[in-house]
Amino acid sequence: MTAPGAGGAVPLIEIRDVRHTYRTASGPLPVLDGLDITINQGEFCAVVGPSGCGKSTLTRLIAGLMFPDEGIVSLHGERVRGPRKTVGMAFQNPVLLEWRTILDNITLPLEIVAPRMSREARADRARELLALVGLEGFEQKKPSELSGGMRQRASLCRSIVHKPEVLIMDEPFGALDAFTREDLWQTMHDLRAKEPFTALLITHDLRESVYLADQVVVLSGRPARTQFVQDMPIKGPRPLDMLYTPETAQILSVLRHQIEIAQGRAAEDAA
């Protein structure tokens, strides 16, 4: 059993000294080099860093879709050895099935992980989530009839319909306009208030990371290491106007500086 961390927090996801190299036609391509991250039970962790630094590789390792060359990725203190039903995933592309209604798209994971669950119960669960994200009344629409933001809301519902304990998100809001993106950030807080889960978010948007996350992890350039961890002073749901406070501006400045270091555009801070 994993021991509690600081303040009694219980680590759920632990990444210890993880290294990984892709074998390509042009030779080895190291992407992770001694990565260390701890995500506590119920925590929202955002991971930022330069493009190509291995953020998406990290999500696949946690999801059990691939395995590190060295080091350990563990969940509840047990090494991740393959995909788990308790992990949900959401991506930049909602990947909804065009021939299924929104309701049937959302119930799809339940058909796979809970085949004995009645059709009525699956539909009730999907409707519950649709109401939470403001899509009540769109159950019988097809994906092509919804806007990009609405499709992403439906995708989020599908990713948590089976009540995963971990939700991994790989830039789910990256393709949306600024207004829709901010609206969905608030939706994420609403979802977590009603549907508690531990979250890992990959993002290039620093404002998104500080608004949604309890901790922000900055990765170095390729091959990636854990360069910096920013614990947010406000945990859980927070008002959108916190993005415009002097305290948040200071945190954003620190994170931008760390990204510049990762990109080789600024010198390492003196110890």
C-alpha atoms as a PDB file:
ATOM      1  CA  MET A   1       0.000   0.000   0.000  1.00  0.00           C
ATOM      2  CA  THR A   2       1.300   3.459  -0.928  1.00  0.00           C
ATOM      3  CA  ALA A   3       2.209   5.617   2.049  1.00  0.00           C
ATOM      4  CA  PRO A   4       0.578   9.026   2.460  1.00  0.00           C
ATOM      5  CA  GLY A   5       2.596  11.987   1.240  1.00  0.00           C
ATOM      6  CA  ALA A   6       2.924  15.458   2.660  1.00  0.00           C
ATOM      7  CA  GLY A   7      -0.185  16.689   4.434  1.00  0.00           C
ATOM      8  CA  GLY A   8      -1.664  13.197   4.448  1.00  0.00           C
ATOM      9  CA  ALA A   9      -2.144  13.163   0.655  1.00  0.00           C
ATOM     10  CA  VAL A  10      -2.177   9.677  -0.874  1.00  0.00           C
ATOM     11  CA  PRO A  11      -0.153   9.263  -4.100  1.00  0.00           C
ATOM     12  CA  LEU A  12      -2.248   7.641  -6.848  1.00  0.00           C
ATOM     13  CA  ILE A  13       0.076   7.925  -9.850  1.00  0.00           C
ATOM     14  CA  GLU A  14       3.828   7.704  -9.364  1.00  0.00           C
ATOM     15  CA  ILE A  15       6.393   8.063 -12.136  1.00  0.00           C
ATOM     16  CA  ARG A  16       9.882   7.270 -10.953  1.00  0.00           C
ATOM     17  CA  ASP A  17      13.101   7.775 -12.963  1.00  0.00           C
ATOM     18  CA  VAL A  18      11.307   6.940 -16.228  1.00  0.00           C
ATOM     19  CA  ARG A  19      13.364   6.781 -19.414  1.00  0.00           C
ATOM     20  CA  HIS A  20      12.139   5.990 -22.899  1.00  0.00           C
ATOM     21  CA  THR A  21      13.683   5.992 -26.369  1.00  0.00           C
ATOM     22  CA  TYR A  22      11.921   5.504 -29.693  1.00  0.00           C
ATOM     23  CA  ARG A  23      13.679   3.396 -32.318  1.00  0.00           C
ATOM     24  CA  THR A  24      13.365   5.183 -35.654  1.00  0.00           C
ATOM     25  CA  ALA A  25      14.708   4.601 -39.158  1.00  0.00           C
ATOM     26  CA  SER A  26      17.274   7.355 -38.572  1.00  0.00           C
ATOM     27  CA  GLY A  27      18.371   5.969 -35.198  1.00  0.00           C
ATOM     28  CA  PRO A  28      17.433   6.146 -31.495  1.00  0.00           C
ATOM     29  CA  LEU A  29      15.268   9.104 -30.411  1.00  0.00           C
ATOM     30  CA  PRO A  30      15.367   9.623 -26.607  1.00  0.00           C
ATOM     31  CA  VAL A  31      12.179  11.339 -25.360  1.00  0.00           C
ATOM     32  CA  LEU A  32      12.146  10.829 -21.582  1.00  0.00           C
ATOM     33  CA  ASP A  33      15.240  10.899 -19.394  1.00  0.00           C
ATOM     34  CA  GLY A  34      14.677  10.362 -15.676  1.00  0.00           C
ATOM     35  CA  LEU A  35      11.125  11.700 -15.392  1.00  0.00           C
ATOM     36  CA  ASP A  36       9.678  11.983 -11.863  1.00  0.00           C
ATOM     37  CA  ILE A  37       6.049  12.980 -11.179  1.00  0.00           C
ATOM     38  CA  THR A  38       3.658  12.253  -8.303  1.00  0.00           C
ATOM     39  CA  ILE A  39      -0.092  12.839  -8.632  1.00  0.00           C
ATOM     40  CA  ASN A  40      -2.108  12.445  -5.445  1.00  0.00           C
ATOM     41  CA  GLN A  41      -5.575  10.937  -5.150  1.00  0.00           C
ATOM     42  CA  GLY A  42      -8.167  13.466  -6.320  1.00  0.00           C
ATOM     43  CA  GLU A  43      -5.573  15.900  -7.651  1.00  0.00           C
ATOM     44  CA  PHE A  44      -5.625  17.703 -11.007  1.00  0.00           C
ATOM     45  CA  CYS A  45      -2.134  17.788 -12.548  1.00  0.00           C
ATOM     46  CA  ALA A  46      -1.285  19.781 -15.677  1.00  0.00           C
ATOM     47  CA  VAL A  47       1.882  19.007 -17.642  1.00  0.00           C
ATOM     48  CA  VAL A  48       3.429  21.674 -19.868  1.00  0.00           C
ATOM     49  CA  GLY A  49       6.643  21.902 -21.846  1.00  0.00           C
ATOM     50  CA  PRO A  50       8.116  22.543 -25.291  1.00  0.00           C
ATOM     51  CA  SER A  51       6.599  20.792 -28.309  1.00  0.00           C
ATOM     52  CA  GLY A  52       8.006  17.319 -28.841  1.00  0.00           C
ATOM     53  CA  CYS A  53       9.281  16.915 -25.275  1.00  0.00           C
ATOM     54  CA  GLY A  54       7.394  13.661 -24.648  1.00  0.00           C
ATOM     55  CA  LYS A  55       4.124  14.830 -23.062  1.00  0.00           C
ATOM     56  CA  SER A  56       1.958  12.514 -25.182  1.00  0.00           C
ATOM     57  CA  THR A  57       4.369   9.646 -24.537  1.00  0.00           C
ATOM     58  CA  LEU A  58       3.776  10.245 -20.837  1.00  0.00           C
ATOM     59  CA  THR A  59       0.007   9.812 -21.270  1.00  0.00           C
ATOM     60  CA  ARG A  60       0.479   6.487 -23.079  1.00  0.00           C
ATOM     61  CA  LEU A  61       2.732   5.207 -20.310  1.00  0.00           C
ATOM     62  CA  ILE A  62       0.211   6.067 -17.598  1.00  0.00           C
ATOM     63  CA  ALA A  63      -2.631   4.572 -19.652  1.00  0.00           C
ATOM     64  CA  GLY A  64      -0.670   1.325 -20.030  1.00  0.00           C
ATOM     65  CA  LEU A  65      -0.602   1.592 -23.831  1.00  0.00           C
ATOM     66  CA  MET A  66       3.193   1.367 -23.817  1.00  0.00           C
ATOM     67  CA  PHE A  67       5.937   0.745 -21.277  1.00  0.00           C
ATOM     68  CA  PRO A  68       9.108   2.637 -20.307  1.00  0.00           C
ATOM     69  CA  ASP A  69      12.541   1.337 -21.162  1.00  0.00           C
ATOM     70  CA  GLU A  70      13.602   2.104 -17.591  1.00  0.00           C
ATOM     71  CA  GLY A  71      11.920   3.274 -14.412  1.00  0.00           C
ATOM     72  CA  ILE A  72       8.481   2.633 -12.951  1.00  0.00           C
ATOM     73  CA  VAL A  73       4.980   3.928 -13.693  1.00  0.00           C
ATOM     74  CA  SER A  74       2.630   2.855 -10.916  1.00  0.00           C
ATOM     75  CA  LEU A  75      -1.022   3.252  -9.976  1.00  0.00           C
ATOM     76  CA  HIS A  76      -1.964   2.675  -6.317  1.00  0.00           C
ATOM     77  CA  GLY A  77       1.613   1.496  -5.781  1.00  0.00           C
ATOM     78  CA  GLU A  78       1.302  -1.253  -8.427  1.00  0.00           C
ATOM     79  CA  ARG A  79       3.280  -1.154 -11.670  1.00  0.00           C
ATOM     80  CA  VAL A  80       1.120  -0.332 -14.698  1.00  0.00           C
ATOM     81  CA  ARG A  81       1.300  -3.411 -16.942  1.00  0.00           C
ATOM     82  CA  GLY A  82      -1.504  -2.692 -19.406  1.00  0.00           C
ATOM     83  CA  PRO A  83      -4.708  -0.711 -20.045  1.00  0.00           C
ATOM     84  CA  ARG A  84      -7.143  -0.444 -17.141  1.00  0.00           C
ATOM     85  CA  LYS A  85     -10.896   0.094 -17.054  1.00  0.00           C
ATOM     86  CA  THR A  86     -10.363   2.641 -14.291  1.00  0.00           C
ATOM     87  CA  VAL A  87      -8.570   5.042 -16.663  1.00  0.00           C
ATOM     88  CA  GLY A  88     -10.439   7.309 -19.089  1.00  0.00           C
ATOM     89  CA  MET A  89      -8.935   9.323 -21.940  1.00  0.00           C
ATOM     90  CA  ALA A  90      -9.914  12.474 -23.832  1.00  0.00           C
ATOM     91  CA  PHE A  91      -8.143  13.940 -26.841  1.00  0.00           C
ATOM     92  CA  GLN A  92      -8.018  17.115 -28.942  1.00  0.00           C
ATOM     93  CA  ASN A  93     -10.123  15.365 -31.591  1.00  0.00           C
ATOM     94  CA  PRO A  94     -13.410  14.192 -30.000  1.00  0.00           C
ATOM     95  CA  VAL A  95     -13.466  11.116 -32.318  1.00  0.00           C
ATOM     96  CA  LEU A  96     -17.233  10.652 -32.068  1.00  0.00           C
ATOM     97  CA  LEU A  97     -18.782   7.970 -34.274  1.00  0.00           C
ATOM     98  CA  GLU A  98     -20.790   9.825 -36.910  1.00  0.00           C
ATOM     99  CA  TRP A  99     -23.353   7.043 -37.375  1.00  0.00           C
ATOM    100  CA  ARG A 100     -24.300   6.982 -33.688  1.00  0.00           C
ATOM    101  CA  THR A 101     -26.370   9.519 -31.807  1.00  0.00           C
ATOM    102  CA  ILE A 102     -24.725  11.599 -29.077  1.00  0.00           C
ATOM    103  CA  LEU A 103     -26.422   9.432 -26.459  1.00  0.00           C
ATOM    104  CA  ASP A 104     -25.141   6.230 -28.073  1.00  0.00           C
ATOM    105  CA  ASN A 105     -21.634   7.691 -28.430  1.00  0.00           C
ATOM    106  CA  ILE A 106     -21.499   8.408 -24.720  1.00  0.00           C
ATOM    107  CA  THR A 107     -22.785   4.977 -23.688  1.00  0.00           C
ATOM    108  CA  LEU A 108     -20.203   3.171 -25.850  1.00  0.00           C
ATOM    109  CA  PRO A 109     -17.628   2.681 -23.032  1.00  0.00           C
ATOM    110  CA  LEU A 110     -20.339   1.173 -20.826  1.00  0.00           C
ATOM    111  CA  GLU A 111     -21.195  -1.322 -23.547  1.00  0.00           C
ATOM    112  CA  ILE A 112     -17.569  -2.467 -23.375  1.00  0.00           C
ATOM    113  CA  VAL A 113     -16.713  -2.317 -19.655  1.00  0.00           C
ATOM    114  CA  ALA A 114     -20.199  -3.004 -18.228  1.00  0.00           C
ATOM    115  CA  PRO A 115     -21.936  -5.308 -20.746  1.00  0.00           C
ATOM    116  CA  ARG A 116     -24.439  -6.553 -18.137  1.00  0.00           C
ATOM    117  CA  MET A 117     -25.671  -3.035 -17.427  1.00  0.00           C
ATOM    118  CA  SER A 118     -29.116  -2.529 -18.931  1.00  0.00           C
ATOM    119  CA  ARG A 119     -29.580  -0.253 -21.920  1.00  0.00           C
ATOM    120  CA  GLU A 120     -31.895   1.923 -19.825  1.00  0.00           C
ATOM    121  CA  ALA A 121     -29.326   2.294 -17.064  1.00  0.00           C
ATOM    122  CA  ARG A 122     -26.612   3.190 -19.588  1.00  0.00           C
ATOM    123  CA  ALA A 123     -28.885   5.822 -21.153  1.00  0.00           C
ATOM    124  CA  ASP A 124     -29.774   7.266 -17.745  1.00  0.00           C
ATOM    125  CA  ARG A 125     -26.086   7.611 -16.892  1.00  0.00           C
ATOM    126  CA  ALA A 126     -25.381   9.352 -20.213  1.00  0.00           C
ATOM    127  CA  ARG A 127     -28.320  11.744 -19.771  1.00  0.00           C
ATOM    128  CA  GLU A 128     -27.070  12.623 -16.286  1.00  0.00           C
ATOM    129  CA  LEU A 129     -23.719  13.715 -17.712  1.00  0.00           C
ATOM    130  CA  LEU A 130     -25.248  15.528 -20.685  1.00  0.00           C
ATOM    131  CA  ALA A 131     -27.291  17.620 -18.279  1.00  0.00           C
ATOM    132  CA  LEU A 132     -24.137  18.463 -16.308  1.00  0.00           C
ATOM    133  CA  VAL A 133     -22.357  19.829 -19.402  1.00  0.00           C
ATOM    134  CA  GLY A 134     -25.326  21.698 -20.844  1.00  0.00           C
ATOM    135  CA  LEU A 135     -26.233  19.248 -23.625  1.00  0.00           C
ATOM    136  CA  GLU A 136     -29.626  18.209 -22.327  1.00  0.00           C
ATOM    137  CA  GLY A 137     -31.975  17.870 -25.318  1.00  0.00           C
ATOM    138  CA  PHE A 138     -29.208  16.916 -27.766  1.00  0.00           C
ATOM    139  CA  GLU A 139     -29.267  13.184 -26.977  1.00  0.00           C
ATOM    140  CA  GLN A 140     -30.587  12.130 -30.401  1.00  0.00           C
ATOM    141  CA  LYS A 141     -28.454  14.484 -32.476  1.00  0.00           C
ATOM    142  CA  LYS A 142     -25.597  13.177 -34.593  1.00  0.00           C
ATOM    143  CA  PRO A 143     -22.069  14.580 -34.087  1.00  0.00           C
ATOM    144  CA  SER A 144     -22.249  16.488 -37.395  1.00  0.00           C
ATOM    145  CA  GLU A 145     -25.163  18.502 -35.987  1.00  0.00           C
ATOM    146  CA  LEU A 146     -23.122  19.844 -33.068  1.00  0.00           C
ATOM    147  CA  SER A 147     -20.534  22.632 -32.865  1.00  0.00           C
ATOM    148  CA  GLY A 148     -16.900  21.879 -32.026  1.00  0.00           C
ATOM    149  CA  GLY A 149     -17.384  22.873 -28.402  1.00  0.00           C
ATOM    150  CA  MET A 150     -20.509  20.760 -28.076  1.00  0.00           C
ATOM    151  CA  ARG A 151     -18.735  17.741 -29.567  1.00  0.00           C
ATOM    152  CA  GLN A 152     -15.910  18.181 -27.057  1.00  0.00           C
ATOM    153  CA  ARG A 153     -18.452  18.315 -24.223  1.00  0.00           C
ATOM    154  CA  ALA A 154     -19.921  15.045 -25.489  1.00  0.00           C
ATOM    155  CA  SER A 155     -16.419  13.569 -25.689  1.00  0.00           C
ATOM    156  CA  LEU A 156     -15.750  14.522 -22.055  1.00  0.00           C
ATOM    157  CA  CYS A 157     -19.002  12.828 -21.036  1.00  0.00           C
ATOM    158  CA  ARG A 158     -17.953   9.675 -22.887  1.00  0.00           C
ATOM    159  CA  SER A 159     -14.533   9.675 -21.191  1.00  0.00           C
ATOM    160  CA  ILE A 160     -16.030   9.642 -17.671  1.00  0.00           C
ATOM    161  CA  VAL A 161     -19.310   7.777 -18.235  1.00  0.00           C
ATOM    162  CA  HIS A 162     -17.828   4.607 -16.665  1.00  0.00           C
ATOM    163  CA  LYS A 163     -16.672   6.611 -13.604  1.00  0.00           C
ATOM    164  CA  PRO A 164     -12.903   6.213 -14.039  1.00  0.00           C
ATOM    165  CA  GLU A 165     -10.674   7.090 -11.111  1.00  0.00           C
ATOM    166  CA  VAL A 166      -8.158   8.671 -13.505  1.00  0.00           C
ATOM    167  CA  LEU A 167      -8.886  10.887 -16.511  1.00  0.00           C
ATOM    168  CA  ILE A 168      -6.018  11.541 -18.928  1.00  0.00           C
ATOM    169  CA  MET A 169      -6.521  14.502 -21.265  1.00  0.00           C
ATOM    170  CA  ASP A 170      -4.202  15.232 -24.177  1.00  0.00           C
ATOM    171  CA  GLU A 171      -4.917  18.845 -25.225  1.00  0.00           C
ATOM    172  CA  PRO A 172      -8.714  18.374 -25.349  1.00  0.00           C
ATOM    173  CA  PHE A 173      -9.385  22.119 -25.736  1.00  0.00           C
ATOM    174  CA  GLY A 174      -6.487  23.002 -28.035  1.00  0.00           C
ATOM    175  CA  ALA A 175      -8.511  23.298 -31.259  1.00  0.00           C
ATOM    176  CA  LEU A 176     -11.283  25.483 -29.815  1.00  0.00           C
ATOM    177  CA  ASP A 177     -11.675  29.249 -29.905  1.00  0.00           C
ATOM    178  CA  ALA A 178     -10.773  31.222 -26.777  1.00  0.00           C
ATOM    179  CA  PHE A 179     -14.357  31.828 -25.634  1.00  0.00           C
ATOM    180  CA  THR A 180     -15.378  28.173 -26.010  1.00  0.00           C
ATOM    181  CA  ARG A 181     -12.170  27.047 -24.336  1.00  0.00           C
ATOM    182  CA  GLU A 182     -12.778  29.171 -21.239  1.00  0.00           C
ATOM    183  CA  ASP A 183     -16.367  27.938 -21.095  1.00  0.00           C
ATOM    184  CA  LEU A 184     -15.144  24.341 -21.127  1.00  0.00           C
ATOM    185  CA  TRP A 185     -12.596  25.066 -18.400  1.00  0.00           C
ATOM    186  CA  GLN A 186     -15.482  26.015 -16.137  1.00  0.00           C
ATOM    187  CA  THR A 187     -17.344  22.883 -17.267  1.00  0.00           C
ATOM    188  CA  MET A 188     -14.353  20.789 -16.156  1.00  0.00           C
ATOM    189  CA  HIS A 189     -14.575  22.247 -12.653  1.00  0.00           C
ATOM    190  CA  ASP A 190     -18.323  21.520 -12.611  1.00  0.00           C
ATOM    191  CA  LEU A 191     -17.702  17.920 -13.680  1.00  0.00           C
ATOM    192  CA  ARG A 192     -15.063  17.315 -11.033  1.00  0.00           C
ATOM    193  CA  ALA A 193     -17.329  18.740  -8.335  1.00  0.00           C
ATOM    194  CA  LYS A 194     -20.026  16.195  -9.228  1.00  0.00           C
ATOM    195  CA  GLU A 195     -17.860  13.376 -10.621  1.00  0.00           C
ATOM    196  CA  PRO A 196     -14.649  13.216  -8.542  1.00  0.00           C
ATOM    197  CA  PHE A 197     -11.632  11.855 -10.413  1.00  0.00           C
ATOM    198  CA  THR A 198      -7.886  12.330 -10.526  1.00  0.00           C
ATOM    199  CA  ALA A 199      -6.833  14.163 -13.687  1.00  0.00           C
ATOM    200  CA  LEU A 200      -3.731  14.559 -15.834  1.00  0.00           C
ATOM    201  CA  LEU A 201      -3.907  17.306 -18.453  1.00  0.00           C
ATOM    202  CA  ILE A 202      -1.404  17.807 -21.258  1.00  0.00           C
ATOM    203  CA  THR A 203      -1.591  21.388 -22.507  1.00  0.00           C
ATOM    204  CA  HIS A 204       0.363  24.160 -24.242  1.00  0.00           C
ATOM    205  CA  ASP A 205      -1.841  26.829 -22.650  1.00  0.00           C
ATOM    206  CA  LEU A 206      -0.330  28.134 -19.414  1.00  0.00           C
ATOM    207  CA  ARG A 207      -3.537  29.986 -18.475  1.00  0.00           C
ATOM    208  CA  GLU A 208      -5.431  26.728 -18.861  1.00  0.00           C
ATOM    209  CA  SER A 209      -2.951  24.933 -16.632  1.00  0.00           C
ATOM    210  CA  VAL A 210      -3.110  27.450 -13.772  1.00  0.00           C
ATOM    211  CA  TYR A 211      -6.905  27.713 -13.921  1.00  0.00           C
ATOM    212  CA  LEU A 212      -7.613  23.981 -13.899  1.00  0.00           C
ATOM    213  CA  ALA A 213      -4.716  22.363 -12.069  1.00  0.00           C
ATOM    214  CA  ASP A 214      -3.735  21.829  -8.445  1.00  0.00           C
ATOM    215  CA  GLN A 215      -0.142  21.412  -9.591  1.00  0.00           C
ATOM    216  CA  VAL A 216       1.625  22.314 -12.845  1.00  0.00           C
ATOM    217  CA  VAL A 217       4.609  20.222 -13.935  1.00  0.00           C
ATOM    218  CA  VAL A 218       7.049  21.758 -16.419  1.00  0.00           C
ATOM    219  CA  LEU A 219       9.051  19.306 -18.521  1.00  0.00           C
ATOM    220  CA  SER A 220      12.463  20.146 -19.952  1.00  0.00           C
ATOM    221  CA  GLY A 221      13.197  19.876 -23.654  1.00  0.00           C
ATOM    222  CA  ARG A 222      13.815  16.513 -25.301  1.00  0.00           C
ATOM    223  CA  PRO A 223      14.749  14.223 -23.726  1.00  0.00           C
ATOM    224  CA  ALA A 224      12.379  15.362 -21.004  1.00  0.00           C
ATOM    225  CA  ARG A 225      13.011  15.530 -17.305  1.00  0.00           C
ATOM    226  CA  THR A 226      10.917  17.040 -14.542  1.00  0.00           C
ATOM    227  CA  GLN A 227      12.213  20.596 -14.573  1.00  0.00           C
ATOM    228  CA  PHE A 228       9.843  22.446 -12.261  1.00  0.00           C
ATOM    229  CA  VAL A 229       6.675  21.858 -10.215  1.00  0.00           C
ATOM    230  CA  GLN A 230       4.308  24.695  -9.335  1.00  0.00           C
ATOM    231  CA  ASP A 231       1.773  23.995  -6.590  1.00  0.00           C
ATOM    232  CA  MET A 232      -1.262  26.206  -7.032  1.00  0.00           C
ATOM    233  CA  PRO A 233      -2.384  28.227  -3.978  1.00  0.00           C
ATOM    234  CA  ILE A 234      -6.042  27.563  -4.818  1.00  0.00           C
ATOM    235  CA  LYS A 235      -7.128  23.934  -5.076  1.00  0.00           C
ATOM    236  CA  GLY A 236     -10.266  22.622  -6.786  1.00  0.00           C
ATOM    237  CA  PRO A 237     -12.942  24.829  -8.423  1.00  0.00           C
ATOM    238  CA  ARG A 238     -12.069  28.513  -8.670  1.00  0.00           C
ATOM    239  CA  PRO A 239     -13.572  31.640 -10.254  1.00  0.00           C
ATOM    240  CA  LEU A 240     -12.435  32.527 -13.770  1.00  0.00           C
ATOM    241  CA  ASP A 241     -11.424  36.014 -12.653  1.00  0.00           C
ATOM    242  CA  MET A 242      -8.555  34.474 -10.645  1.00  0.00           C
ATOM    243  CA  LEU A 243      -6.718  34.477 -13.980  1.00  0.00           C
ATOM    244  CA  TYR A 244      -6.523  38.262 -13.778  1.00  0.00           C
ATOM    245  CA  THR A 245      -5.074  38.655 -10.277  1.00  0.00           C
ATOM    246  CA  PRO A 246      -1.494  39.785  -9.547  1.00  0.00           C
ATOM    247  CA  GLU A 247      -0.832  36.444  -7.843  1.00  0.00           C
ATOM    248  CA  THR A 248      -1.748  34.504 -10.985  1.00  0.00           C
ATOM    249  CA  ALA A 249       0.282  36.881 -13.157  1.00  0.00           C
ATOM    250  CA  GLN A 250       3.320  36.088 -11.018  1.00  0.00           C
ATOM    251  CA  ILE A 251       2.763  32.332 -11.340  1.00  0.00           C
ATOM    252  CA  LEU A 252       2.371  32.662 -15.117  1.00  0.00           C
ATOM    253  CA  SER A 253       5.599  34.643 -15.263  1.00  0.00           C
ATOM    254  CA  VAL A 254       7.446  31.912 -13.367  1.00  0.00           C
ATOM    255  CA  LEU A 255       6.053  29.202 -15.660  1.00  0.00           C
ATOM    256  CA  ARG A 256       6.909  31.159 -18.814  1.00  0.00           C
ATOM    257  CA  HIS A 257      10.463  31.567 -17.540  1.00  0.00           C
ATOM    258  CA  GLN A 258      10.724  27.832 -16.907  1.00  0.00           C
ATOM    259  CA  ILE A 259       9.464  27.105 -20.443  1.00  0.00           C
ATOM    260  CA  GLU A 260      12.099  29.493 -21.826  1.00  0.00           C
ATOM    261  CA  ILE A 261      14.750  27.593 -19.878  1.00  0.00           C
ATOM    262  CA  ALA A 262      13.402  24.324 -21.323  1.00  0.00           C
ATOM    263  CA  GLN A 263      13.616  25.807 -24.821  1.00  0.00           C
ATOM    264  CA  GLY A 264      17.186  26.981 -24.240  1.00  0.00           C
ATOM    265  CA  ARG A 265      16.121  30.621 -24.521  1.00  0.00           C
ATOM    266  CA  ALA A 266      16.979  31.497 -20.896  1.00  0.00           C
ATOM    267  CA  ALA A 267      19.726  30.457 -18.511  1.00  0.00           C
ATOM    268  CA  GLU A 268      19.120  28.049 -15.653  1.00  0.00           C
ATOM    269  CA  ASP A 269      18.382  29.820 -12.379  1.00  0.00           C
ATOM    270  CA  ALA A 270      21.292  29.899  -9.962  1.00  0.00           C
ATOM    271  CA  ALA A 271      21.023  27.309  -7.200  1.00  0.00           C
END
